[in-house]
Structures are given as structure tokens and as C-alpha cells.
């Protein structure tokens, strides 16, 4: 059996990748890893601070390295940052993996996150920018996904069950 994650979660910021990822890992009896957390730990500062201090290209380079490391070394559940799929090398690494795209619409994003300015890519006119980000990313999420699970109006336990069902994974 090949090494690598049991499942990789992708989707926009605020969709619940971290919450669902931890629940999935618990249900499956495996570890959980979030590449955004890996970056924050390695850098000793927030993602927003990296964006401000070094710019988006520098952050994306760090993100690409974190994703590569997680996919190579972690055999549990991995959650990727919302923009990770923008990188073609990252998309290539996701080929052959069990990838679940957790989707949500802008109204749900507003309800969950308030589209607050702590999100560096949403600092000005958050609703418009969220829509534009999704227009740029949605097809990439769908391209690499093994399954798509909608999260709108649903709790983490229900989404977790649907992810398990979609991938036909048994609960541990």
C-alpha cells in the first residue's frame, strides 16, 4: 500500500477544512495535519503577517513547500490552504490522492467568517473579492477533487459523514 494521506481536504477559506479534518481524523483513527498551521509554526508568525511582510508570492512558495512535505510524509488527514490549488505543481501532486472539495456559497462564507479583514486576500470589499477568488479557484478545486461535499447550512458532523460516505471510508 502506498504512503500518503488517507484524505486531502481542499476548499475556500472558512469552509471548515480544519474542523472537518479533525473530525475525520478522529473517526478514522489517524492524525490530522493542516498546511497553514505548518507554515505558521515554521515561520513563527501568522499568514496575514507573511502576506504583509513578504507578499503573496513568498507566501505561495512557502505554501507549496508545506503541501509537498505534508503529502509526502503524512498518512492521515491533510487540509490545504484555500489557495494551494492555484499552483500547477501542487495540483499534479494531488493526482491519485483522495481529495475532497468542501464547497460553500458566498452567503455561507459571510455567515461563517463575516468575511473579516483578518483574511489577507479579503481586505477590501470582501464579498466581491470572495466571489472573484471562487471564480478563479472553483474549477481548480473541481479538477483535482475525487468528491465534492457541500457544506452550506450543515454542521461539521454531517459534513464529516458525507465525506466518509463519498470516499467509501469506514469509520475507525
Protein backbone atom coordinates (compact mmCIF):
# COMPACT_ATOMS: atom_id res chain seq x y z
CA UNK A 1 0.00 0.00 0.00
CA UNK A 2 1.34 3.43 -0.88
CA UNK A 3 2.09 6.03 1.72
CA UNK A 4 0.44 9.39 1.74
CA UNK A 5 -2.68 10.92 3.21
CA UNK A 6 -5.90 8.98 3.71
CA UNK A 7 -7.73 12.08 2.51
CA UNK A 8 -6.85 15.64 1.49
CA UNK A 9 -9.37 18.42 2.10
CA UNK A 10 -9.49 21.45 -0.18
CA UNK A 11 -11.83 24.41 -0.49
CA UNK A 12 -12.17 28.10 0.23
CA UNK A 13 -11.17 29.83 3.44
CA UNK A 14 -13.73 29.39 6.18
CA UNK A 15 -15.38 26.31 4.66
CA UNK A 16 -14.50 24.15 7.66
CA UNK A 17 -11.49 22.18 6.43
CA UNK A 18 -9.81 22.30 9.84
CA UNK A 19 -12.91 21.34 11.82
CA UNK A 20 -13.97 18.57 9.42
CA UNK A 21 -10.38 17.43 9.07
CA UNK A 22 -10.01 16.90 12.82
CA UNK A 23 -13.34 15.04 12.96
CA UNK A 24 -12.36 12.83 10.01
CA UNK A 25 -9.02 12.03 11.59
CA UNK A 26 -10.75 11.11 14.85
CA UNK A 27 -13.30 8.88 13.06
CA UNK A 28 -10.59 7.16 11.04
CA UNK A 29 -8.12 6.81 13.90
CA UNK A 30 -5.37 8.74 12.09
CA UNK A 31 -3.51 12.01 12.58
CA UNK A 32 -4.53 15.42 11.28
CA UNK A 33 -2.30 17.99 9.61
CA UNK A 34 -3.10 21.49 8.31
CA UNK A 35 -0.56 23.02 5.93
CA UNK A 36 -1.48 26.56 7.04
CA UNK A 37 -0.64 25.54 10.63
CA UNK A 38 2.66 24.07 9.38
CA UNK A 39 3.57 27.41 7.77
CA UNK A 40 2.63 29.43 10.86
CA UNK A 41 4.68 27.11 13.07
CA UNK A 42 7.71 27.18 10.77
CA UNK A 43 7.60 30.95 10.30
CA UNK A 44 6.64 31.93 13.84
CA UNK A 45 4.07 34.40 12.54
CA UNK A 46 0.58 34.46 11.08
CA UNK A 47 -0.25 34.03 7.43
CA UNK A 48 -1.53 37.62 7.38
CA UNK A 49 1.85 38.79 8.68
CA UNK A 50 3.67 36.80 5.97
CA UNK A 51 1.45 38.42 3.33
CA UNK A 52 2.17 41.91 4.71
CA UNK A 53 5.90 41.36 5.32
CA UNK A 54 6.82 39.39 2.19
CA UNK A 55 3.87 39.46 -0.19
CA UNK A 56 1.68 36.78 -1.70
CA UNK A 57 4.35 35.20 -3.98
CA UNK A 58 6.61 34.50 -0.98
CA UNK A 59 3.69 33.03 0.95
CA UNK A 60 2.72 30.83 -2.03
CA UNK A 61 6.28 29.47 -2.21
CA UNK A 62 6.13 28.57 1.48
CA UNK A 63 2.69 27.04 0.96
CA UNK A 64 3.89 24.91 -1.96
CA UNK A 65 6.76 23.54 0.14
CA UNK A 66 4.44 22.85 3.08
CA UNK A 67 1.95 20.99 0.87
CA UNK A 68 4.71 18.91 -0.74
CA UNK A 69 6.08 17.96 2.71
CA UNK A 70 2.65 17.09 4.11
CA UNK A 71 1.64 14.96 1.12
CA UNK A 72 4.95 13.10 1.24
CA UNK A 73 5.11 12.48 4.98
CA UNK A 74 1.62 12.43 6.49
CA UNK A 75 -0.56 9.33 6.30
CA UNK A 76 -3.67 10.78 7.95
CA UNK A 77 -5.95 13.65 7.02
CA UNK A 78 -4.40 16.75 5.42
CA UNK A 79 -6.13 20.11 4.99
CA UNK A 80 -4.70 22.55 2.45
CA UNK A 81 -4.97 26.32 2.47
CA UNK A 82 -7.65 27.78 0.20
CA UNK A 83 -5.22 28.95 -2.49
CA UNK A 84 -2.93 25.92 -2.61
CA UNK A 85 -4.65 24.55 -5.72
CA UNK A 86 -3.58 27.62 -7.71
CA UNK A 87 -0.13 26.07 -8.11
CA UNK A 88 0.10 23.60 -11.03
CA UNK A 89 2.79 21.52 -9.25
CA UNK A 90 0.50 21.18 -6.24
CA UNK A 91 -2.36 20.08 -8.47
CA UNK A 92 -0.07 17.48 -10.02
CA UNK A 93 0.84 16.20 -6.54
CA UNK A 94 -2.85 15.80 -5.77
CA UNK A 95 -3.37 13.46 -8.75
CA UNK A 96 -4.07 9.98 -7.45
CA UNK A 97 -4.90 11.21 -3.93
CA UNK A 98 -8.34 11.06 -2.31
CA UNK A 99 -9.20 14.75 -2.48
CA UNK A 100 -12.45 16.18 -1.15
CA UNK A 101 -13.53 19.65 -2.15
CA UNK A 102 -15.63 21.18 0.62
CA UNK A 103 -17.77 23.77 -1.13
CA UNK A 104 -19.84 26.73 0.05
CA UNK A 105 -21.52 29.76 -1.45
CA UNK A 106 -20.78 33.38 -0.59
CA UNK A 107 -23.80 33.69 1.73
CA UNK A 108 -22.46 30.82 3.81
CA UNK A 109 -18.98 32.37 3.81
CA UNK A 110 -20.44 35.59 5.19
CA UNK A 111 -22.36 33.71 7.87
CA UNK A 112 -19.34 31.68 8.96
CA UNK A 113 -16.49 34.14 8.74
CA UNK A 114 -18.12 37.52 8.35
CA UNK A 115 -15.55 37.80 5.55
CA UNK A 116 -13.42 39.70 8.01
CA UNK A 117 -10.25 41.60 7.25
CA UNK A 118 -8.10 39.08 9.14
CA UNK A 119 -8.18 37.23 5.81
CA UNK A 120 -5.43 38.95 3.82
CA UNK A 121 -6.97 38.35 0.40
CA UNK A 122 -10.30 39.84 1.50
CA UNK A 123 -9.16 43.14 2.99
CA UNK A 124 -11.12 45.38 0.60
CA UNK A 125 -14.77 44.66 -0.42
CA UNK A 126 -14.76 41.12 1.00
CA UNK A 127 -17.90 39.81 -0.74
CA UNK A 128 -16.71 40.88 -4.18
CA UNK A 129 -13.19 39.57 -3.57
CA UNK A 130 -14.52 36.24 -2.24
CA UNK A 131 -16.62 35.82 -5.39
CA UNK A 132 -13.62 36.65 -7.58
CA UNK A 133 -11.40 34.20 -5.69
CA UNK A 134 -14.00 31.48 -6.15
CA UNK A 135 -14.36 32.25 -9.85
CA UNK A 136 -10.60 31.76 -10.18
CA UNK A 137 -10.42 28.66 -7.98
CA UNK A 138 -13.68 26.70 -8.24
CA UNK A 139 -12.72 24.90 -11.46
CA UNK A 140 -9.33 24.01 -9.97
CA UNK A 141 -10.95 22.58 -6.84
CA UNK A 142 -13.28 20.54 -9.06
CA UNK A 143 -10.40 19.45 -11.32
CA UNK A 144 -8.43 17.79 -8.52
CA UNK A 145 -11.35 16.56 -6.39
CA UNK A 146 -12.29 12.93 -6.04
CA UNK A 147 -15.53 14.08 -4.39
CA UNK A 148 -17.36 17.34 -3.69
CA UNK A 149 -19.27 17.82 -0.44
CA UNK A 150 -21.42 20.93 0.01
CA UNK A 151 -21.24 22.46 3.48
CA UNK A 152 -23.88 25.19 3.23
CA UNK A 153 -26.22 25.18 6.23
CA UNK A 154 -24.74 21.93 7.55
CA UNK A 155 -22.85 21.10 10.71
CA UNK A 156 -19.37 19.57 10.86
CA UNK A 157 -20.62 16.11 11.92
CA UNK A 158 -22.98 15.91 8.95
CA UNK A 159 -20.26 17.06 6.53
CA UNK A 160 -17.83 14.54 8.02
CA UNK A 161 -20.32 11.70 7.49
CA UNK A 162 -20.82 12.78 3.89
CA UNK A 163 -17.06 12.87 3.28
CA UNK A 164 -16.73 9.34 4.68
CA UNK A 165 -19.64 8.18 2.53
CA UNK A 166 -18.35 9.91 -0.60
CA UNK A 167 -14.99 8.19 -0.28
CA UNK A 168 -16.47 4.94 1.00
CA UNK A 169 -14.20 5.09 4.03
CA UNK A 170 -15.11 3.07 7.07
CA UNK A 171 -15.22 4.77 10.42
CA UNK A 172 -12.46 3.51 12.74
